[in-house]
Protein backbone atom coordinates (compact mmCIF):
# COMPACT_ATOMS: atom_id res chain seq x y z
CA MET A 1 13.21 -5.69 -10.46
CA LEU A 2 13.73 -8.82 -8.03
CA THR A 3 15.06 -12.01 -10.40
CA GLY A 4 13.72 -15.79 -10.05
CA GLU A 5 16.74 -16.35 -8.84
CA ASN A 6 17.06 -13.99 -5.94
CA LYS A 7 13.67 -14.72 -4.33
CA SER A 8 14.52 -18.31 -4.12
CA LYS A 9 17.26 -16.77 -2.14
CA ILE A 10 15.53 -14.85 0.00
CA ASP A 11 12.86 -17.84 0.41
CA LYS A 12 15.49 -19.77 1.53
CA ILE A 13 16.12 -17.01 4.38
CA TRP A 14 12.64 -17.18 5.47
CA ASP A 15 12.42 -20.73 5.42
CA ALA A 16 15.73 -21.20 7.70
CA PHE A 17 13.89 -18.78 10.52
CA TRP A 18 10.56 -20.86 10.87
CA SER A 19 12.66 -23.52 10.91
CA GLY A 20 14.53 -22.23 13.72
CA GLY A 21 11.56 -21.60 15.45
CA ILE A 22 10.94 -17.94 14.29
CA SER A 23 7.03 -18.20 12.54
CA ASP A 24 5.73 -14.92 12.78
CA PRO A 25 5.90 -13.05 10.06
CA LEU A 26 6.25 -9.64 11.15
CA ARG A 27 8.86 -10.86 13.81
CA VAL A 28 10.65 -12.65 11.21
CA ILE A 29 10.79 -9.64 8.71
CA GLU A 30 11.63 -7.50 11.78
CA GLN A 31 14.66 -9.64 12.62
CA ILE A 32 15.81 -9.65 9.27
CA SER A 33 15.64 -6.32 8.86
CA PHE A 34 18.06 -5.69 11.42
CA LEU A 35 20.34 -7.84 9.59
CA LEU A 36 19.92 -6.27 6.15
CA PHE A 37 20.73 -2.70 8.05
CA ILE A 38 23.66 -4.09 9.79
CA LYS A 39 25.01 -4.85 6.57
CA ARG A 40 24.20 -1.52 4.73
CA LEU A 41 26.07 0.13 7.70
CA ASP A 42 29.07 -1.93 6.35
CA ASP A 43 28.43 -1.06 2.93
CA LEU A 44 27.79 2.62 3.76
CA HIS A 45 31.49 2.17 5.65
CA THR A 46 33.45 0.59 2.67
CA GLY A 47 32.27 3.28 0.86
CA LYS A 48 33.68 5.72 2.99
CA GLU A 49 36.90 3.77 3.26
CA LYS A 50 37.38 3.78 -0.91
CA LYS A 51 36.74 7.64 -1.01
CA ALA A 52 39.16 8.48 1.50
CA ASN A 53 41.78 6.18 0.07
CA ARG A 54 41.05 8.05 -3.32
CA LEU A 55 41.71 11.56 -2.28
CA GLY A 56 44.15 10.36 0.35
CA LYS A 57 42.55 11.74 3.50
CA PRO A 58 41.11 10.34 6.83
CA ILE A 59 37.54 9.07 6.55
CA GLU A 60 34.72 11.51 6.54
CA GLU A 61 32.14 11.01 9.61
CA PRO A 62 33.49 7.30 9.87
CA ILE A 63 30.04 4.77 11.06
CA PHE A 64 33.01 2.34 12.80
CA GLY A 65 35.32 3.88 15.01
CA ALA A 66 38.59 2.54 16.90
CA GLY A 67 38.20 -1.24 17.86
CA GLN A 68 34.81 -1.45 16.62
CA ASP A 69 36.37 -2.74 13.00
CA HIS A 70 34.99 -6.46 14.53
CA LEU A 71 31.93 -5.20 14.41
CA ARG A 72 31.50 -4.80 10.72
CA TRP A 73 29.57 -7.38 8.49
CA SER A 74 32.33 -8.40 6.30
CA ARG A 75 34.09 -8.96 9.53
CA PHE A 76 31.83 -11.03 11.90
CA ARG A 77 30.71 -13.26 8.68
CA GLU A 78 34.21 -14.76 8.81
CA PHE A 79 34.09 -16.05 12.66
CA GLU A 80 32.88 -19.44 13.78
CA ALA A 81 28.74 -19.77 14.83
CA GLU A 82 29.78 -19.02 18.69
CA GLU A 83 31.66 -16.35 18.30
CA MET A 84 29.60 -14.71 15.45
CA PHE A 85 26.42 -14.88 17.87
CA ARG A 86 28.13 -13.70 20.98
CA VAL A 87 29.43 -10.36 18.81
CA VAL A 88 26.23 -9.63 16.89
CA SER A 89 23.96 -10.43 20.01
CA GLN A 90 26.30 -8.40 22.74
CA GLU A 91 28.02 -5.52 20.47
CA VAL A 92 26.79 -5.14 17.03
CA PHE A 93 22.94 -5.55 18.08
CA PRO A 94 23.51 -2.41 21.04
CA PHE A 95 25.60 -0.79 18.72
CA ILE A 96 22.99 -0.37 16.06
CA LYS A 97 20.13 0.72 19.10
CA ASN A 98 22.34 3.27 20.02
CA LEU A 99 23.64 4.40 16.62
CA HIS A 100 21.87 7.78 16.38
CA GLY A 101 23.03 8.90 20.00
CA GLY A 102 20.08 10.30 21.43
CA LEU A 103 18.99 12.14 18.23
CA ASP A 104 15.45 12.58 17.81
CA THR A 105 15.33 10.52 14.62
CA ALA A 106 12.52 8.14 13.67
CA TYR A 107 15.13 5.43 13.54
CA ALA A 108 15.95 5.67 17.03
CA ARG A 109 13.02 6.25 18.30
CA HIS A 110 11.66 2.55 17.30
CA MET A 111 15.02 0.67 17.64
CA LYS A 112 14.53 2.04 21.26
CA ASP A 113 12.74 -1.28 22.60
CA ALA A 114 14.02 -3.60 19.52
CA ILE A 115 15.21 -7.08 20.91
CA PHE A 116 17.37 -9.77 19.17
CA MET A 117 14.96 -12.76 19.04
CA ILE A 118 17.48 -15.13 16.96
CA PRO A 119 17.72 -17.57 19.18
CA THR A 120 20.70 -19.80 18.36
CA PRO A 121 24.17 -19.27 16.65
CA SER A 122 23.42 -21.44 13.68
CA LEU A 123 20.53 -19.94 12.93
CA LEU A 124 22.62 -16.89 12.73
CA GLU A 125 25.39 -18.51 10.57
CA ARG A 126 22.69 -19.56 8.47
CA VAL A 127 20.85 -16.66 7.60
CA VAL A 128 24.05 -14.09 7.70
CA GLU A 129 25.66 -16.51 5.14
CA GLN A 130 22.66 -16.46 3.02
CA ILE A 131 21.74 -13.01 3.10
CA SER A 132 25.47 -12.11 2.06
CA GLN A 133 24.86 -14.03 -1.18
CA VAL A 134 21.49 -11.75 -2.16
CA PRO A 135 23.44 -8.83 -4.12
CA MET A 136 22.08 -5.61 -2.57
CA GLU A 137 24.55 -3.13 -4.29
CA ASP A 138 22.07 -0.80 -4.76
CA ARG A 139 18.90 1.26 -3.68
CA ASP A 140 16.17 -0.17 -6.09
CA THR A 141 17.74 -3.56 -5.62
CA LYS A 142 17.21 -3.46 -1.72
CA GLY A 143 14.19 -1.91 -1.82
CA ASP A 144 12.78 -4.88 -4.05
CA LEU A 145 14.34 -7.22 -1.55
CA TYR A 146 12.38 -5.44 1.56
CA GLU A 147 9.01 -5.67 -0.82
CA TYR A 148 9.66 -8.84 -1.55
CA MET A 149 9.40 -9.78 2.18
CA LEU A 150 6.69 -7.89 2.83
CA SER A 151 4.39 -9.45 0.49
CA LYS A 152 4.70 -12.71 2.77
CA LEU A 153 2.55 -10.71 5.30
CA THR A 154 -0.90 -11.96 3.68
CA THR A 155 -2.97 -12.29 7.00
CA ALA A 156 -4.82 -9.60 8.27
CA GLY A 157 -3.68 -7.85 11.25
CA ARG A 158 -5.59 -8.15 14.91
CA ASN A 159 -7.43 -4.77 13.98
CA GLY A 160 -8.15 -5.30 10.43
CA GLN A 161 -5.24 -3.89 8.47
CA PHE A 162 -3.54 -5.88 6.08
CA ARG A 163 -1.16 -5.16 2.96
CA THR A 164 -2.27 -3.42 0.21
CA PRO A 165 -1.20 -4.72 -2.91
CA ARG A 166 2.01 -3.14 -4.47
CA HIS A 167 0.36 -2.48 -8.02
CA ILE A 168 -2.89 -0.92 -6.32
CA ILE A 169 -0.34 1.41 -4.49
CA LYS A 170 1.02 2.46 -7.40
CA MET A 171 -2.09 3.03 -9.29
CA MET A 172 -3.23 5.26 -6.39
CA VAL A 173 0.27 7.80 -6.37
CA GLU A 174 0.24 7.76 -10.29
CA LEU A 175 -3.24 8.84 -10.29
CA MET A 176 -2.34 11.53 -7.06
CA GLN A 177 1.32 12.77 -8.56
CA PRO A 178 2.92 13.84 -5.66
CA ARG A 179 5.12 17.05 -5.61
CA PRO A 180 8.50 17.34 -4.28
CA ASP A 181 7.43 20.15 -2.10
CA ASP A 182 4.22 18.12 -1.04
CA ILE A 183 3.70 16.96 2.65
CA ILE A 184 2.33 13.51 2.55
CA CYS A 185 0.90 11.28 4.85
CA ASP A 186 -0.41 7.65 5.38
CA PRO A 187 -2.21 8.00 9.10
CA ALA A 188 -3.00 4.35 8.88
CA CYS A 189 0.83 3.63 7.84
CA GLY A 190 1.70 -0.04 8.73
CA THR A 191 4.94 -0.96 6.48
CA ALA A 192 5.03 2.75 4.91
CA GLY A 193 4.17 1.17 1.32
CA PHE A 194 2.51 4.33 0.43
CA LEU A 195 5.35 6.12 1.48
CA VAL A 196 7.82 4.15 -0.39
CA ALA A 197 5.84 4.66 -3.74
CA ALA A 198 5.63 8.24 -3.74
CA GLY A 199 9.58 8.40 -2.88
CA GLU A 200 9.67 6.35 -5.79
CA PHE A 201 7.58 8.41 -7.83
CA LEU A 202 9.60 11.25 -6.93
CA ARG A 203 12.92 10.02 -7.89
CA GLU A 204 11.28 9.09 -11.48
CA ASN A 205 9.70 11.98 -12.27
CA HIS A 206 11.72 14.80 -10.18
CA ALA A 207 15.25 13.82 -9.91
CA ASP A 208 16.24 17.57 -10.53
CA LEU A 209 14.75 17.81 -6.70
CA PHE A 210 18.30 16.04 -5.33
CA HIS A 211 19.81 19.58 -6.92
CA ASN A 212 18.12 21.10 -4.42
CA ASP A 213 19.40 21.53 -1.18
CA SER A 214 16.11 22.79 0.60
CA LEU A 215 14.11 19.98 -1.38
CA LYS A 216 16.56 17.18 -0.70
CA ARG A 217 16.25 18.10 2.77
CA HIS A 218 12.39 17.98 2.77
CA PHE A 219 12.57 14.71 1.25
CA ASN A 220 14.79 13.29 3.55
CA GLY A 221 13.04 14.76 6.52
CA LYS A 222 9.41 16.12 6.57
CA LEU A 223 8.06 15.09 3.20
CA PHE A 224 7.04 11.62 4.61
CA ASN A 225 4.80 11.34 7.67
CA GLY A 226 3.87 8.04 9.16
CA PHE A 227 1.44 7.03 11.98
CA ASP A 228 0.92 3.53 13.34
CA PHE A 229 0.56 2.30 16.81
CA ASP A 230 1.95 -1.25 16.96
CA SER A 231 5.83 -0.94 17.74
CA THR A 232 6.74 -3.62 15.23
CA MET A 233 5.10 -2.51 12.44
CA LEU A 234 6.85 1.21 13.25
CA ARG A 235 10.55 -0.81 12.92
CA ILE A 236 9.96 -2.42 9.88
CA ALA A 237 8.47 0.92 8.11
CA SER A 238 11.26 3.11 9.42
CA MET A 239 13.40 0.39 8.03
CA ASN A 240 11.34 0.03 4.49
CA MET A 241 11.79 3.70 4.00
CA MET A 242 15.89 3.81 4.86
CA LEU A 243 15.97 0.88 2.77
CA HIS A 244 14.70 2.95 0.07
CA GLY A 245 16.90 5.68 0.71
CA VAL A 246 14.60 8.31 2.99
CA GLU A 247 17.15 8.78 5.67
CA ASN A 248 14.67 10.36 9.07
CA PRO A 249 11.09 10.14 7.85
CA ALA A 250 8.27 11.02 10.05
CA ILE A 251 7.06 7.64 11.18
CA GLU A 252 5.51 8.59 15.02
CA ALA A 253 3.53 6.08 16.86
CA ARG A 254 0.66 7.68 17.41
CA ASP A 255 -2.87 6.29 17.40
CA ALA A 256 -4.44 8.56 14.88
CA LEU A 257 -8.14 8.17 16.48
CA SER A 258 -7.98 9.10 19.71
CA ASN A 259 -8.28 11.87 21.85
CA SER A 260 -4.43 12.03 22.91
CA ALA A 261 -3.27 12.36 18.71
CA GLY A 262 -6.07 15.69 18.46
CA ASP A 263 -2.24 17.92 18.42
CA ILE A 264 -1.93 17.47 14.59
CA ALA A 265 -4.57 19.89 12.08
CA ASP A 266 -3.82 21.20 8.97
CA ALA A 267 -0.86 19.89 8.57
CA PHE A 268 -0.34 17.81 4.81
CA THR A 269 -1.00 18.49 1.88
CA LEU A 270 -1.59 14.87 0.18
CA ILE A 271 -2.90 11.55 1.74
CA LEU A 272 -2.84 8.31 0.74
CA ALA A 273 -3.77 5.52 2.93
CA ASN A 274 -5.59 2.20 3.05
CA PRO A 275 -6.84 2.65 6.60
CA PRO A 276 -8.67 -0.31 8.91
CA PHE A 277 -11.75 -1.49 7.10
CA LYS A 278 -13.05 -3.00 9.97
CA GLY A 279 -13.86 -2.49 14.14
CA SER A 280 -15.20 -0.06 16.23
CA LEU A 281 -13.62 2.03 18.81
CA ASP A 282 -15.26 3.28 22.53
CA GLU A 283 -16.85 6.63 21.94
CA GLU A 284 -14.62 7.99 24.53
CA THR A 285 -11.34 7.64 23.91
CA VAL A 286 -12.11 9.00 20.16
CA ALA A 287 -11.52 12.62 19.42
CA LYS A 288 -14.11 14.96 20.06
CA ASP A 289 -13.65 16.82 16.72
CA LEU A 290 -13.97 13.84 14.64
CA LEU A 291 -17.31 13.02 16.10
CA ARG A 292 -17.67 16.51 15.43
CA THR A 293 -17.70 15.51 11.87
CA VAL A 294 -19.50 12.43 11.57
CA LYS A 295 -20.91 10.54 15.01
CA THR A 296 -20.01 7.17 14.57
CA LYS A 297 -18.00 4.23 16.46
CA LYS A 298 -16.71 2.88 13.13
CA THR A 299 -13.30 2.91 11.91
CA GLU A 300 -13.78 3.32 7.91
CA LEU A 301 -15.97 6.23 8.79
CA LEU A 302 -13.58 7.82 11.87
CA PHE A 303 -10.29 7.65 9.25
CA ILE A 304 -12.32 9.85 6.23
CA ALA A 305 -13.18 12.35 9.16
CA LEU A 306 -9.45 12.03 10.25
CA MET A 307 -8.05 12.62 6.90
CA LEU A 308 -10.13 15.80 6.66
CA ARG A 309 -9.02 17.27 9.94
CA LEU A 310 -5.03 15.95 8.67
CA LEU A 311 -5.33 17.97 5.33
CA LYS A 312 -4.49 21.41 5.22
CA PRO A 313 -6.79 23.81 3.15
CA GLY A 314 -5.72 22.84 -1.19
CA GLY A 315 -4.45 18.82 0.60
CA ARG A 316 -5.74 15.56 -1.68
CA CYS A 317 -6.58 12.55 -0.55
CA ALA A 318 -7.07 9.31 -2.23
CA VAL A 319 -8.37 6.23 -0.15
CA ILE A 320 -9.67 2.93 -0.01
CA VAL A 321 -12.97 2.52 1.43
CA PRO A 322 -15.14 -0.41 1.65
CA ASP A 323 -18.17 -0.44 -0.17
CA GLY A 324 -20.38 0.19 2.66
CA VAL A 325 -19.07 3.85 3.19
CA LEU A 326 -20.35 4.31 -0.34
CA PHE A 327 -24.00 3.48 0.37
CA GLY A 328 -24.42 2.82 4.07
CA SER A 329 -27.85 3.95 5.30
CA SER A 330 -27.20 5.05 8.62
CA LYS A 331 -26.96 8.68 9.27
CA ALA A 332 -23.26 8.47 10.41
CA HIS A 333 -22.58 6.80 6.48
CA LEU A 334 -25.11 9.87 5.11
CA ASP A 335 -23.32 12.99 6.79
CA LEU A 336 -19.59 12.14 6.24
CA ARG A 337 -20.85 11.35 2.34
CA LYS A 338 -22.61 14.76 2.67
CA VAL A 339 -19.60 16.31 4.27
CA LEU A 340 -17.24 15.29 1.40
CA VAL A 341 -19.61 16.38 -1.31
CA ASP A 342 -20.88 19.59 0.01
CA GLY A 343 -18.24 20.76 2.66
CA HIS A 344 -15.01 19.87 0.37
CA LYS A 345 -14.91 18.52 -3.32
CA LEU A 346 -14.98 14.76 -4.17
CA GLU A 347 -13.54 14.27 -7.53
CA ALA A 348 -13.56 10.85 -7.81
CA MET A 349 -14.81 6.79 -7.02
CA ILE A 350 -12.96 4.28 -8.29
CA SER A 351 -14.78 1.03 -7.63
CA MET A 352 -12.45 -2.27 -7.80
CA PRO A 353 -13.33 -6.14 -8.14
CA SER A 354 -13.78 -7.70 -4.79
CA GLY A 355 -10.85 -9.88 -5.59
CA VAL A 356 -8.28 -7.19 -5.02
CA PHE A 357 -7.35 -8.28 -1.57
CA ARG A 358 -7.27 -11.88 -2.15
CA PRO A 359 -6.26 -14.33 -0.52
CA TYR A 360 -6.45 -13.13 2.67
CA ALA A 361 -9.81 -10.66 2.23
CA GLY A 362 -12.61 -11.01 -0.42
CA VAL A 363 -14.31 -7.30 0.85
CA SER A 364 -15.45 -5.57 -2.02
CA THR A 365 -13.32 -1.99 -2.27
CA GLY A 366 -13.40 1.60 -3.77
CA ILE A 367 -11.03 4.42 -3.95
CA LEU A 368 -12.34 7.97 -3.01
CA ILE A 369 -10.54 10.92 -4.61
CA PHE A 370 -10.99 14.29 -2.99
CA THR A 371 -9.88 18.23 -2.29
CA LYS A 372 -10.34 19.46 1.21
CA THR A 373 -11.74 23.22 0.66
CA ASN A 374 -13.71 23.77 3.44
CA SER A 375 -16.31 25.55 1.11
CA GLY A 376 -17.55 23.02 -0.99
CA GLY A 377 -16.31 22.93 -5.11
CA THR A 378 -17.89 19.83 -5.79
CA ASP A 379 -19.53 19.75 -10.05
CA HIS A 380 -19.48 16.34 -10.73
CA VAL A 381 -18.04 12.75 -9.39
CA TRP A 382 -15.89 10.74 -12.18
CA PHE A 383 -17.13 7.13 -11.40
CA TYR A 384 -14.95 3.84 -13.01
CA ASP A 385 -15.82 0.47 -12.77
CA MET A 386 -12.64 -1.48 -12.75
CA GLN A 387 -12.97 -4.83 -13.61
CA SER A 388 -9.64 -6.01 -13.41
CA ASP A 389 -6.31 -5.35 -12.42
CA GLY A 390 -4.38 -7.40 -14.14
CA PHE A 391 -4.46 -10.97 -12.13
CA SER A 392 -6.90 -13.61 -11.29
CA LEU A 393 -9.61 -12.77 -8.64
CA ASP A 394 -9.11 -15.72 -7.22
CA ASP A 395 -7.29 -16.78 -4.57
CA LYS A 396 -4.18 -17.66 -6.75
CA ARG A 397 -3.78 -13.87 -8.23
CA ASN A 398 -1.93 -14.93 -11.21
CA PRO A 399 -1.14 -12.48 -13.74
CA VAL A 400 -3.85 -12.03 -16.55
CA GLU A 401 -3.99 -10.21 -20.16
CA GLN A 402 -7.16 -8.15 -18.48
CA ASN A 403 -5.91 -4.70 -16.89
CA ASP A 404 -8.16 -1.77 -16.15
CA ILE A 405 -4.97 0.31 -14.33
CA PRO A 406 -3.24 1.77 -17.65
CA ASP A 407 -7.03 2.63 -18.63
CA VAL A 408 -7.70 4.15 -15.59
CA LEU A 409 -4.55 6.35 -15.26
CA GLU A 410 -5.05 7.78 -18.96
CA LYS A 411 -8.78 8.58 -18.66
CA TRP A 412 -8.00 9.90 -15.05
CA HIS A 413 -5.31 12.29 -16.56
CA ALA A 414 -7.48 13.06 -19.81
CA LEU A 415 -10.20 14.33 -17.38
CA LYS A 416 -7.73 16.47 -15.23
CA LYS A 417 -7.09 18.53 -18.40
CA LEU A 418 -10.50 18.89 -19.39
CA PRO A 419 -12.76 22.67 -18.68
CA PRO A 420 -15.52 22.23 -16.58
CA PHE A 421 -18.36 19.52 -16.69
CA GLN A 422 -21.27 20.37 -19.25
CA GLY A 423 -23.91 17.93 -19.65
CA GLU A 424 -24.17 14.49 -19.47
CA GLY A 425 -21.35 12.72 -21.07
CA ARG A 426 -18.50 13.66 -22.98
CA GLY A 427 -17.46 11.48 -25.82
CA GLY A 428 -14.72 11.63 -27.76
CA ASP A 429 -12.27 12.76 -25.08
CA GLY A 430 -11.31 9.34 -23.42
CA VAL A 431 -13.26 9.88 -20.46
CA GLY A 432 -16.45 7.80 -21.28
CA SER A 433 -19.19 8.79 -23.64
CA GLY A 434 -21.98 7.71 -21.16
CA ARG A 435 -22.97 5.71 -18.59
CA THR A 436 -22.40 2.18 -20.22
CA ALA A 437 -19.07 2.86 -20.48
CA LYS A 438 -16.53 1.82 -17.59
CA SER A 439 -15.94 5.69 -16.75
CA PHE A 440 -18.32 8.70 -16.46
CA LEU A 441 -19.37 11.87 -14.59
CA VAL A 442 -22.56 12.05 -12.83
CA PRO A 443 -23.66 16.26 -11.86
CA VAL A 444 -23.38 16.50 -7.87
CA GLU A 445 -27.44 17.84 -8.03
CA GLU A 446 -28.23 13.82 -9.25
CA ILE A 447 -25.67 12.27 -6.24
CA ARG A 448 -27.66 14.64 -3.77
CA ASP A 449 -31.10 13.46 -4.89
CA ASN A 450 -29.62 10.11 -4.54
CA LYS A 451 -29.06 10.59 -0.72
CA TYR A 452 -25.35 11.11 -1.40
CA ASP A 453 -25.14 7.35 -2.36
CA LEU A 454 -21.77 7.07 -3.80
CA SER A 455 -22.02 3.22 -5.48
CA ILE A 456 -20.97 3.04 -8.92
CA ASN A 457 -24.01 0.79 -9.74
CA ARG A 458 -26.69 3.60 -8.71
CA TYR A 459 -25.50 5.67 -11.73
CA LYS A 460 -24.03 3.01 -14.65
CA LYS A 461 -26.60 2.02 -17.25
CA VAL A 462 -26.55 -2.07 -17.98
CA GLU A 463 -27.16 -2.45 -21.82
CA HIS A 464 -28.54 -6.04 -22.57
CA GLU A 465 -28.27 -7.37 -26.05
CA GLU A 466 -30.95 -8.41 -27.61
CA VAL A 467 -30.47 -12.73 -28.22
CA ALA A 468 -33.06 -14.08 -30.79
CA TYR A 469 -34.10 -17.89 -30.18
CA GLU A 470 -35.12 -20.21 -32.71
CA PRO A 471 -39.24 -20.63 -32.11
CA PRO A 472 -40.17 -23.25 -30.09
CA GLN A 473 -41.03 -26.03 -32.44
CA VAL A 474 -37.56 -26.07 -34.21
CA ILE A 475 -36.59 -26.51 -31.01
CA ILE A 476 -38.92 -29.50 -30.02
CA ALA A 477 -38.57 -31.09 -33.49
CA ARG A 478 -34.12 -31.01 -32.61
CA LEU A 479 -34.89 -32.79 -29.35
CA GLU A 480 -36.96 -35.42 -30.90
CA ALA A 481 -34.59 -36.08 -33.71
CA LEU A 482 -32.03 -36.40 -30.93
CA GLU A 483 -33.71 -38.71 -28.72
CA ARG A 484 -34.69 -41.13 -31.54
CA LYS A 485 -31.14 -41.08 -32.27
CA ILE A 486 -30.12 -42.33 -28.93
CA ALA A 487 -32.68 -44.84 -29.14
CA GLY A 488 -31.40 -46.30 -32.04
CA GLU A 489 -27.83 -46.60 -30.90
CA LEU A 490 -28.97 -47.98 -28.14
CA ALA A 491 -31.15 -50.68 -29.28
CA GLU A 492 -27.90 -51.18 -31.57
CA LEU A 493 -25.27 -51.82 -28.53
CA LYS A 494 -27.99 -53.93 -27.26
CA GLY A 495 -27.83 -56.06 -29.98
CA MET A 496 -24.05 -56.38 -29.44
CA VAL A 497 -24.39 -57.44 -26.40
CA GLY A 498 -26.92 -59.78 -26.24
């Protein structure tokens, strides 16, 4: 957990970049990422040195070779500003760009076009000194530091994407319970928040995977897959994964909806995503197999069709969608919902409050959970009406006591242990006792009868409390008495000033 003191230190680093002329948040994070990675290399090399000294042997796989000692963070931070700037910009930066020397790793691919953008020696000196004061001895601290920096990305992107709150990501990961042998994908990965959270879940719940060489290789390679077409995002995502201890994730430059992306199908066992909500594409550029699933230009519909293509049969998905996907009346909306309900197994729809993405978006959203079967299987759908996520639903998003997330997780895991659905309410099992509760089950026949509408308001019953009012004559008498009292007091006041 990042302390207030360390957050203050990071804020100072951020402010230094802004005052130094770099105001684009993505660029700030990108440049800080480079510096964090340079420092991490020195820390790793120092660890190898200590091990070699203990064993009395040469350093095993040294990061810095002969004549490269001055490229280490602990060395160049002692240089004068001008010399530090020369060494970092002309020697250290080219060194980290070519670190994997031609190997086809995510890091090597995305660093190829990286540019050192810190403009002045004084800014570099100030930032290096400030980063040196932030404790980053362990993976958790480095990860929390990076997450805090990414939280500053609070503006919607050009294509409608924006940062998913960390607690919502964590909830979705805990709903889906990733397994060590999963192959996880986020086809609109941005800064890789979902992949990072999935990795942390596996570390906490399946630590034994690191004692199995095959699973350990899988964890550091093909378990985590992410697509994006923004080169800066790809670099940040790769760095984010590396700082969270994943050595070579499959982070790729790919426009997942385009014709050129049609080479991947039936590849993943779990998808976690919050794809762009708005926008439409030129039909000519959209992959034809996606259009066969749903004929539309809307990205939020195309992404769900994409996820059905990407998943292996039996693969699971949790995806955030705007409310329009749930009840939109166009043929494309209806066709897509019909495919989810009749062609595969739609398991849940969790309605989230509209303030979840404030201060940068007020859109109402839900989480769809489904399994790809290619043969149907939906017998009922679990609905949950989340009314609070632990934060105020205004632009300030301050912590509040009300929080439905623990209840969502408890009821979902209880539901997964239940036998097949029988009838209208379950009662007493922790899932919900009827349509007036926060959560309840709806049989698939009812959903079909309602034109595959998946909005929670279509099925939830609202209980109206009976309120007893006093007779009108009593209320009028009280008003008259109040008027007489006011008139008397006014007369008294008038006499005092007369």
